[in-house]
Amino acid sequence: MESKAEYDDYLVVLRENVCSHCIERQPGCPPCAPQGKACGIEQHIPELVKICRTTDSVQMEPYIQQLHDKICEDCAYQDTPTCPCPLDY
């Protein structure tokens, strides 16, 4: 099991490599939560790490399918137009 500090390390790398390209990114972000923006990466980092560690493919599709199966399926935003997750685009 990962500790909060280890997830924080992942967040640093994700913010540099993913959040810097996010089309939903607001001024002063990341992190987005303090700015009032729900972010799928910030909300689901443990699940995202687990998906990356348990999926083995050179293709993106298996990772995207796992994202939908393991995260989106239980997300409170699932059937709303305000999905906070930048990972699909």
PDB file of N, CA and C in Angstrom:
ATOM      1  N   MET A   1       0.841  -1.182   0.000  1.00  0.00           N
ATOM      2  CA  MET A   1       0.000   0.000   0.000  1.00  0.00           C
ATOM      3  C   MET A   1       0.884   1.243   0.000  1.00  0.00           C
ATOM      4  N   GLU A   2       0.478   2.215  -0.783  1.00  0.00           N
ATOM      5  CA  GLU A   2       1.220   3.461  -0.901  1.00  0.00           C
ATOM      6  C   GLU A   2       0.890   4.389   0.268  1.00  0.00           C
ATOM      7  N   SER A   3       1.860   5.186   0.635  1.00  0.00           N
ATOM      8  CA  SER A   3       1.616   6.203   1.655  1.00  0.00           C
ATOM      9  C   SER A   3       1.222   7.506   0.961  1.00  0.00           C
ATOM     10  N   LYS A   4       0.647   8.427   1.713  1.00  0.00           N
ATOM     11  CA  LYS A   4       0.259   9.722   1.156  1.00  0.00           C
ATOM     12  C   LYS A   4       1.467  10.418   0.525  1.00  0.00           C
ATOM     13  N   ALA A   5       2.617  10.318   1.153  1.00  0.00           N
ATOM     14  CA  ALA A   5       3.827  10.960   0.619  1.00  0.00           C
ATOM     15  C   ALA A   5       4.195  10.388  -0.747  1.00  0.00           C
ATOM     16  N   GLU A   6       4.029   9.072  -0.929  1.00  0.00           N
ATOM     17  CA  GLU A   6       4.344   8.466  -2.218  1.00  0.00           C
ATOM     18  C   GLU A   6       3.364   8.935  -3.292  1.00  0.00           C
ATOM     19  N   TYR A   7       2.089   9.075  -2.930  1.00  0.00           N
ATOM     20  CA  TYR A   7       1.115   9.602  -3.889  1.00  0.00           C
ATOM     21  C   TYR A   7       1.420  11.060  -4.207  1.00  0.00           C
ATOM     22  N   ASP A   8       1.889  11.801  -3.223  1.00  0.00           N
ATOM     23  CA  ASP A   8       2.274  13.194  -3.468  1.00  0.00           C
ATOM     24  C   ASP A   8       3.394  13.269  -4.497  1.00  0.00           C
ATOM     25  N   ASP A   9       4.322  12.306  -4.450  1.00  0.00           N
ATOM     26  CA  ASP A   9       5.397  12.255  -5.442  1.00  0.00           C
ATOM     27  C   ASP A   9       4.826  12.031  -6.847  1.00  0.00           C
ATOM     28  N   TYR A  10       3.849  11.148  -6.960  1.00  0.00           N
ATOM     29  CA  TYR A  10       3.196  10.921  -8.255  1.00  0.00           C
ATOM     30  C   TYR A  10       2.492  12.189  -8.725  1.00  0.00           C
ATOM     31  N   LEU A  11       1.834  12.884  -7.809  1.00  0.00           N
ATOM     32  CA  LEU A  11       1.131  14.117  -8.175  1.00  0.00           C
ATOM     33  C   LEU A  11       2.082  15.168  -8.723  1.00  0.00           C
ATOM     34  N   VAL A  12       3.267  15.274  -8.159  1.00  0.00           N
ATOM     35  CA  VAL A  12       4.257  16.239  -8.653  1.00  0.00           C
ATOM     36  C   VAL A  12       4.577  15.943 -10.117  1.00  0.00           C
ATOM     37  N   VAL A  13       4.850  14.692 -10.417  1.00  0.00           N
ATOM     38  CA  VAL A  13       5.195  14.305 -11.784  1.00  0.00           C
ATOM     39  C   VAL A  13       3.995  14.492 -12.720  1.00  0.00           C
ATOM     40  N   LEU A  14       2.809  14.088 -12.272  1.00  0.00           N
ATOM     41  CA  LEU A  14       1.608  14.266 -13.104  1.00  0.00           C
ATOM     42  C   LEU A  14       1.326  15.736 -13.370  1.00  0.00           C
ATOM     43  N   ARG A  15       1.499  16.555 -12.369  1.00  0.00           N
ATOM     44  CA  ARG A  15       1.249  17.988 -12.563  1.00  0.00           C
ATOM     45  C   ARG A  15       2.221  18.590 -13.571  1.00  0.00           C
ATOM     46  N   GLU A  16       3.443  18.117 -13.578  1.00  0.00           N
ATOM     47  CA  GLU A  16       4.426  18.614 -14.536  1.00  0.00           C
ATOM     48  C   GLU A  16       4.146  18.119 -15.952  1.00  0.00           C
ATOM     49  N   ASN A  17       3.727  16.851 -16.074  1.00  0.00           N
ATOM     50  CA  ASN A  17       3.616  16.228 -17.388  1.00  0.00           C
ATOM     51  C   ASN A  17       2.206  16.153 -17.958  1.00  0.00           C
ATOM     52  N   VAL A  18       1.195  16.185 -17.112  1.00  0.00           N
ATOM     53  CA  VAL A  18      -0.187  16.082 -17.574  1.00  0.00           C
ATOM     54  C   VAL A  18      -0.914  17.402 -17.359  1.00  0.00           C
ATOM     55  N   CYS A  19      -0.891  17.886 -16.151  1.00  0.00           N
ATOM     56  CA  CYS A  19      -1.646  19.098 -15.837  1.00  0.00           C
ATOM     57  C   CYS A  19      -1.168  20.304 -16.642  1.00  0.00           C
ATOM     58  N   SER A  20       0.101  20.324 -16.986  1.00  0.00           N
ATOM     59  CA  SER A  20       0.627  21.449 -17.757  1.00  0.00           C
ATOM     60  C   SER A  20       0.007  21.518 -19.155  1.00  0.00           C
ATOM     61  N   HIS A  21      -0.636  20.436 -19.604  1.00  0.00           N
ATOM     62  CA  HIS A  21      -1.282  20.388 -20.912  1.00  0.00           C
ATOM     63  C   HIS A  21      -2.803  20.346 -20.824  1.00  0.00           C
ATOM     64  N   CYS A  22      -3.347  20.432 -19.635  1.00  0.00           N
ATOM     65  CA  CYS A  22      -4.788  20.268 -19.421  1.00  0.00           C
ATOM     66  C   CYS A  22      -5.566  21.465 -19.974  1.00  0.00           C
ATOM     67  N   ILE A  23      -6.587  21.173 -20.780  1.00  0.00           N
ATOM     68  CA  ILE A  23      -7.394  22.249 -21.344  1.00  0.00           C
ATOM     69  C   ILE A  23      -8.374  22.822 -20.322  1.00  0.00           C
ATOM     70  N   GLU A  24      -8.536  22.150 -19.181  1.00  0.00           N
ATOM     71  CA  GLU A  24      -9.417  22.630 -18.115  1.00  0.00           C
ATOM     72  C   GLU A  24      -8.654  23.451 -17.066  1.00  0.00           C
ATOM     73  N   ARG A  25      -7.353  23.529 -17.219  1.00  0.00           N
ATOM     74  CA  ARG A  25      -6.505  24.194 -16.221  1.00  0.00           C
ATOM     75  C   ARG A  25      -6.862  25.674 -16.087  1.00  0.00           C
ATOM     76  N   GLN A  26      -7.026  26.108 -14.855  1.00  0.00           N
ATOM     77  CA  GLN A  26      -7.357  27.489 -14.560  1.00  0.00           C
ATOM     78  C   GLN A  26      -6.113  28.224 -14.077  1.00  0.00           C
ATOM     79  N   PRO A  27      -6.108  29.565 -14.130  1.00  0.00           N
ATOM     80  CA  PRO A  27      -4.961  30.318 -13.614  1.00  0.00           C
ATOM     81  C   PRO A  27      -4.689  29.955 -12.159  1.00  0.00           C
ATOM     82  N   GLY A  28      -3.426  29.801 -11.831  1.00  0.00           N
ATOM     83  CA  GLY A  28      -3.040  29.465 -10.459  1.00  0.00           C
ATOM     84  C   GLY A  28      -3.068  27.978 -10.158  1.00  0.00           C
ATOM     85  N   CYS A  29      -3.370  27.170 -11.151  1.00  0.00           N
ATOM     86  CA  CYS A  29      -3.461  25.722 -10.963  1.00  0.00           C
ATOM     87  C   CYS A  29      -2.302  25.044 -11.675  1.00  0.00           C
ATOM     88  N   PRO A  30      -1.933  23.863 -11.326  1.00  0.00           N
ATOM     89  CA  PRO A  30      -2.417  23.045 -10.240  1.00  0.00           C
ATOM     90  C   PRO A  30      -1.782  23.449  -8.913  1.00  0.00           C
ATOM     91  N   PRO A  31      -2.275  22.951  -7.825  1.00  0.00           N
ATOM     92  CA  PRO A  31      -3.431  22.071  -7.697  1.00  0.00           C
ATOM     93  C   PRO A  31      -4.728  22.819  -7.957  1.00  0.00           C
ATOM     94  N   CYS A  32      -5.705  22.078  -8.408  1.00  0.00           N
ATOM     95  CA  CYS A  32      -6.989  22.679  -8.779  1.00  0.00           C
ATOM     96  C   CYS A  32      -7.972  22.754  -7.617  1.00  0.00           C
ATOM     97  N   ALA A  33      -7.928  21.787  -6.728  1.00  0.00           N
ATOM     98  CA  ALA A  33      -8.907  21.735  -5.633  1.00  0.00           C
ATOM     99  C   ALA A  33      -8.977  23.034  -4.821  1.00  0.00           C
ATOM    100  N   PRO A  34      -7.839  23.641  -4.442  1.00  0.00           N
ATOM    101  CA  PRO A  34      -7.928  24.887  -3.689  1.00  0.00           C
ATOM    102  C   PRO A  34      -8.568  26.034  -4.475  1.00  0.00           C
ATOM    103  N   GLN A  35      -8.586  25.904  -5.800  1.00  0.00           N
ATOM    104  CA  GLN A  35      -9.194  26.925  -6.657  1.00  0.00           C
ATOM    105  C   GLN A  35     -10.670  26.628  -6.927  1.00  0.00           C
ATOM    106  N   GLY A  36     -11.191  25.550  -6.317  1.00  0.00           N
ATOM    107  CA  GLY A  36     -12.589  25.202  -6.480  1.00  0.00           C
ATOM    108  C   GLY A  36     -12.896  24.343  -7.689  1.00  0.00           C
ATOM    109  N   LYS A  37     -11.870  23.806  -8.343  1.00  0.00           N
ATOM    110  CA  LYS A  37     -12.060  22.956  -9.513  1.00  0.00           C
ATOM    111  C   LYS A  37     -11.806  21.513  -9.124  1.00  0.00           C
ATOM    112  N   ALA A  38     -12.816  20.675  -9.301  1.00  0.00           N
ATOM    113  CA  ALA A  38     -12.636  19.251  -9.046  1.00  0.00           C
ATOM    114  C   ALA A  38     -11.792  18.663 -10.171  1.00  0.00           C
ATOM    115  N   CYS A  39     -10.752  17.969  -9.817  1.00  0.00           N
ATOM    116  CA  CYS A  39      -9.848  17.381 -10.804  1.00  0.00           C
ATOM    117  C   CYS A  39      -9.812  15.873 -10.625  1.00  0.00           C
ATOM    118  N   GLY A  40     -10.051  15.147 -11.709  1.00  0.00           N
ATOM    119  CA  GLY A  40     -10.036  13.692 -11.654  1.00  0.00           C
ATOM    120  C   GLY A  40      -8.695  13.117 -11.239  1.00  0.00           C
ATOM    121  N   ILE A  41      -7.626  13.770 -11.632  1.00  0.00           N
ATOM    122  CA  ILE A  41      -6.301  13.288 -11.238  1.00  0.00           C
ATOM    123  C   ILE A  41      -6.118  13.442  -9.732  1.00  0.00           C
ATOM    124  N   GLU A  42      -6.429  14.600  -9.208  1.00  0.00           N
ATOM    125  CA  GLU A  42      -6.281  14.830  -7.772  1.00  0.00           C
ATOM    126  C   GLU A  42      -7.218  13.930  -6.974  1.00  0.00           C
ATOM    127  N   GLN A  43      -8.427  13.715  -7.479  1.00  0.00           N
ATOM    128  CA  GLN A  43      -9.417  12.917  -6.761  1.00  0.00           C
ATOM    129  C   GLN A  43      -9.117  11.428  -6.778  1.00  0.00           C
ATOM    130  N   HIS A  44      -8.461  10.946  -7.831  1.00  0.00           N
ATOM    131  CA  HIS A  44      -8.346   9.502  -8.036  1.00  0.00           C
ATOM    132  C   HIS A  44      -6.913   8.997  -8.144  1.00  0.00           C
ATOM    133  N   ILE A  45      -5.967   9.707  -7.575  1.00  0.00           N
ATOM    134  CA  ILE A  45      -4.563   9.305  -7.735  1.00  0.00           C
ATOM    135  C   ILE A  45      -4.285   7.868  -7.284  1.00  0.00           C
ATOM    136  N   PRO A  46      -4.817   7.382  -6.159  1.00  0.00           N
ATOM    137  CA  PRO A  46      -4.522   5.984  -5.799  1.00  0.00           C
ATOM    138  C   PRO A  46      -5.017   4.994  -6.857  1.00  0.00           C
ATOM    139  N   GLU A  47      -6.216   5.223  -7.377  1.00  0.00           N
ATOM    140  CA  GLU A  47      -6.759   4.332  -8.395  1.00  0.00           C
ATOM    141  C   GLU A  47      -5.962   4.411  -9.692  1.00  0.00           C
ATOM    142  N   LEU A  48      -5.525   5.615 -10.068  1.00  0.00           N
ATOM    143  CA  LEU A  48      -4.730   5.778 -11.283  1.00  0.00           C
ATOM    144  C   LEU A  48      -3.395   5.049 -11.181  1.00  0.00           C
ATOM    145  N   VAL A  49      -2.768   5.146 -10.024  1.00  0.00           N
ATOM    146  CA  VAL A  49      -1.491   4.437  -9.817  1.00  0.00           C
ATOM    147  C   VAL A  49      -1.713   2.938  -9.913  1.00  0.00           C
ATOM    148  N   LYS A  50      -2.785   2.453  -9.301  1.00  0.00           N
ATOM    149  CA  LYS A  50      -3.077   1.017  -9.342  1.00  0.00           C
ATOM    150  C   LYS A  50      -3.323   0.553 -10.776  1.00  0.00           C
ATOM    151  N   ILE A  51      -4.081   1.326 -11.548  1.00  0.00           N
ATOM    152  CA  ILE A  51      -4.328   0.975 -12.948  1.00  0.00           C
ATOM    153  C   ILE A  51      -3.011   0.888 -13.717  1.00  0.00           C
ATOM    154  N   CYS A  52      -2.138   1.850 -13.518  1.00  0.00           N
ATOM    155  CA  CYS A  52      -0.846   1.845 -14.222  1.00  0.00           C
ATOM    156  C   CYS A  52       0.017   0.663 -13.823  1.00  0.00           C
ATOM    157  N   ARG A  53      -0.069   0.283 -12.577  1.00  0.00           N
ATOM    158  CA  ARG A  53       0.750  -0.839 -12.105  1.00  0.00           C
ATOM    159  C   ARG A  53       0.193  -2.201 -12.486  1.00  0.00           C
ATOM    160  N   THR A  54      -1.097  -2.297 -12.740  1.00  0.00           N
ATOM    161  CA  THR A  54      -1.707  -3.601 -13.004  1.00  0.00           C
ATOM    162  C   THR A  54      -2.084  -3.813 -14.467  1.00  0.00           C
ATOM    163  N   THR A  55      -1.884  -2.826 -15.297  1.00  0.00           N
ATOM    164  CA  THR A  55      -2.184  -2.948 -16.718  1.00  0.00           C
ATOM    165  C   THR A  55      -0.860  -2.957 -17.474  1.00  0.00           C
ATOM    166  N   ASP A  56      -0.722  -3.910 -18.374  1.00  0.00           N
ATOM    167  CA  ASP A  56       0.534  -4.047 -19.111  1.00  0.00           C
ATOM    168  C   ASP A  56       0.237  -4.054 -20.605  1.00  0.00           C
ATOM    169  N   SER A  57       0.407  -2.909 -21.218  1.00  0.00           N
ATOM    170  CA  SER A  57       0.149  -2.801 -22.651  1.00  0.00           C
ATOM    171  C   SER A  57       0.937  -1.636 -23.233  1.00  0.00           C
ATOM    172  N   VAL A  58       1.283  -1.762 -24.500  1.00  0.00           N
ATOM    173  CA  VAL A  58       1.918  -0.647 -25.203  1.00  0.00           C
ATOM    174  C   VAL A  58       0.859   0.259 -25.832  1.00  0.00           C
ATOM    175  N   GLN A  59      -0.384  -0.192 -25.812  1.00  0.00           N
ATOM    176  CA  GLN A  59      -1.507   0.568 -26.331  1.00  0.00           C
ATOM    177  C   GLN A  59      -2.197   1.327 -25.205  1.00  0.00           C
ATOM    178  N   MET A  60      -2.825   2.453 -25.523  1.00  0.00           N
ATOM    179  CA  MET A  60      -3.545   3.248 -24.522  1.00  0.00           C
ATOM    180  C   MET A  60      -4.910   2.656 -24.185  1.00  0.00           C
ATOM    181  N   GLU A  61      -5.541   1.987 -25.124  1.00  0.00           N
ATOM    182  CA  GLU A  61      -6.912   1.506 -24.940  1.00  0.00           C
ATOM    183  C   GLU A  61      -7.117   0.676 -23.666  1.00  0.00           C
ATOM    184  N   PRO A  62      -6.240  -0.263 -23.327  1.00  0.00           N
ATOM    185  CA  PRO A  62      -6.462  -1.010 -22.086  1.00  0.00           C
ATOM    186  C   PRO A  62      -6.439  -0.123 -20.833  1.00  0.00           C
ATOM    187  N   TYR A  63      -5.615   0.903 -20.846  1.00  0.00           N
ATOM    188  CA  TYR A  63      -5.570   1.825 -19.708  1.00  0.00           C
ATOM    189  C   TYR A  63      -6.852   2.654 -19.637  1.00  0.00           C
ATOM    190  N   ILE A  64      -7.314   3.115 -20.794  1.00  0.00           N
ATOM    191  CA  ILE A  64      -8.556   3.890 -20.839  1.00  0.00           C
ATOM    192  C   ILE A  64      -9.732   3.028 -20.397  1.00  0.00           C
ATOM    193  N   GLN A  65      -9.757   1.771 -20.842  1.00  0.00           N
ATOM    194  CA  GLN A  65     -10.839   0.871 -20.429  1.00  0.00           C
ATOM    195  C   GLN A  65     -10.820   0.657 -18.918  1.00  0.00           C
ATOM    196  N   GLN A  66      -9.636   0.485 -18.359  1.00  0.00           N
ATOM    197  CA  GLN A  66      -9.526   0.325 -16.902  1.00  0.00           C
ATOM    198  C   GLN A  66      -9.975   1.591 -16.175  1.00  0.00           C
ATOM    199  N   LEU A  67      -9.630   2.744 -16.724  1.00  0.00           N
ATOM    200  CA  LEU A  67     -10.074   4.019 -16.167  1.00  0.00           C
ATOM    201  C   LEU A  67     -11.596   4.045 -16.100  1.00  0.00           C
ATOM    202  N   HIS A  68     -12.244   3.684 -17.189  1.00  0.00           N
ATOM    203  CA  HIS A  68     -13.705   3.686 -17.234  1.00  0.00           C
ATOM    204  C   HIS A  68     -14.300   2.629 -16.311  1.00  0.00           C
ATOM    205  N   ASP A  69     -13.692   1.442 -16.288  1.00  0.00           N
ATOM    206  CA  ASP A  69     -14.221   0.342 -15.472  1.00  0.00           C
ATOM    207  C   ASP A  69     -14.012   0.556 -13.976  1.00  0.00           C
ATOM    208  N   LYS A  70     -12.882   1.127 -13.594  1.00  0.00           N
ATOM    209  CA  LYS A  70     -12.534   1.193 -12.170  1.00  0.00           C
ATOM    210  C   LYS A  70     -12.804   2.545 -11.524  1.00  0.00           C
ATOM    211  N   ILE A  71     -12.782   3.610 -12.308  1.00  0.00           N
ATOM    212  CA  ILE A  71     -12.957   4.946 -11.735  1.00  0.00           C
ATOM    213  C   ILE A  71     -14.292   5.547 -12.155  1.00  0.00           C
ATOM    214  N   CYS A  72     -14.523   5.625 -13.451  1.00  0.00           N
ATOM    215  CA  CYS A  72     -15.736   6.286 -13.954  1.00  0.00           C
ATOM    216  C   CYS A  72     -17.009   5.584 -13.478  1.00  0.00           C
ATOM    217  N   GLU A  73     -16.946   4.277 -13.369  1.00  0.00           N
ATOM    218  CA  GLU A  73     -18.126   3.506 -12.986  1.00  0.00           C
ATOM    219  C   GLU A  73     -18.716   3.956 -11.646  1.00  0.00           C
ATOM    220  N   ASP A  74     -17.865   4.353 -10.704  1.00  0.00           N
ATOM    221  CA  ASP A  74     -18.326   4.752  -9.372  1.00  0.00           C
ATOM    222  C   ASP A  74     -18.265   6.258  -9.133  1.00  0.00           C
ATOM    223  N   CYS A  75     -17.983   7.022 -10.172  1.00  0.00           N
ATOM    224  CA  CYS A  75     -17.809   8.459 -10.019  1.00  0.00           C
ATOM    225  C   CYS A  75     -19.152   9.173  -9.849  1.00  0.00           C
ATOM    226  N   ALA A  76     -19.208  10.105  -8.927  1.00  0.00           N
ATOM    227  CA  ALA A  76     -20.423  10.880  -8.675  1.00  0.00           C
ATOM    228  C   ALA A  76     -20.789  11.750  -9.869  1.00  0.00           C
ATOM    229  N   TYR A  77     -19.838  12.032 -10.733  1.00  0.00           N
ATOM    230  CA  TYR A  77     -20.074  12.879 -11.904  1.00  0.00           C
ATOM    231  C   TYR A  77     -20.417  12.070 -13.157  1.00  0.00           C
ATOM    232  N   GLN A  78     -20.555  10.765 -13.016  1.00  0.00           N
ATOM    233  CA  GLN A  78     -20.679   9.863 -14.161  1.00  0.00           C
ATOM    234  C   GLN A  78     -21.706  10.292 -15.203  1.00  0.00           C
ATOM    235  N   ASP A  79     -22.894  10.612 -14.816  1.00  0.00           N
ATOM    236  CA  ASP A  79     -23.930  10.965 -15.783  1.00  0.00           C
ATOM    237  C   ASP A  79     -24.230  12.456 -15.801  1.00  0.00           C
ATOM    238  N   THR A  80     -23.221  13.252 -15.536  1.00  0.00           N
ATOM    239  CA  THR A  80     -23.399  14.696 -15.538  1.00  0.00           C
ATOM    240  C   THR A  80     -22.518  15.322 -16.616  1.00  0.00           C
ATOM    241  N   PRO A  81     -22.820  16.532 -17.023  1.00  0.00           N
ATOM    242  CA  PRO A  81     -21.983  17.189 -18.030  1.00  0.00           C
ATOM    243  C   PRO A  81     -20.726  17.837 -17.436  1.00  0.00           C
ATOM    244  N   THR A  82     -20.477  17.643 -16.144  1.00  0.00           N
ATOM    245  CA  THR A  82     -19.340  18.293 -15.483  1.00  0.00           C
ATOM    246  C   THR A  82     -18.289  17.298 -15.018  1.00  0.00           C
ATOM    247  N   CYS A  83     -17.905  16.388 -15.886  1.00  0.00           N
ATOM    248  CA  CYS A  83     -16.865  15.427 -15.543  1.00  0.00           C
ATOM    249  C   CYS A  83     -15.572  16.172 -15.232  1.00  0.00           C
ATOM    250  N   PRO A  84     -14.976  15.929 -14.055  1.00  0.00           N
ATOM    251  CA  PRO A  84     -13.754  16.645 -13.691  1.00  0.00           C
ATOM    252  C   PRO A  84     -12.475  15.987 -14.202  1.00  0.00           C
ATOM    253  N   CYS A  85     -12.608  14.937 -14.967  1.00  0.00           N
ATOM    254  CA  CYS A  85     -11.454  14.139 -15.325  1.00  0.00           C
ATOM    255  C   CYS A  85     -10.882  14.517 -16.685  1.00  0.00           C
ATOM    256  N   PRO A  86      -9.668  15.038 -16.722  1.00  0.00           N
ATOM    257  CA  PRO A  86      -9.063  15.429 -17.996  1.00  0.00           C
ATOM    258  C   PRO A  86      -8.442  14.260 -18.753  1.00  0.00           C
ATOM    259  N   LEU A  87      -8.538  13.051 -18.221  1.00  0.00           N
ATOM    260  CA  LEU A  87      -7.818  11.947 -18.818  1.00  0.00           C
ATOM    261  C   LEU A  87      -8.414  11.448 -20.124  1.00  0.00           C
ATOM    262  N   ASP A  88      -9.690  11.689 -20.360  1.00  0.00           N
ATOM    263  CA  ASP A  88     -10.287  11.222 -21.606  1.00  0.00           C
ATOM    264  C   ASP A  88      -9.951  12.090 -22.810  1.00  0.00           C
ATOM    265  N   TYR A  89      -9.617  13.321 -22.573  1.00  0.00           N
ATOM    266  CA  TYR A  89      -9.257  14.165 -23.715  1.00  0.00           C
ATOM    267  C   TYR A  89      -7.811  14.518 -23.631  1.00  0.00           C
TER     268      TYR A  89
END
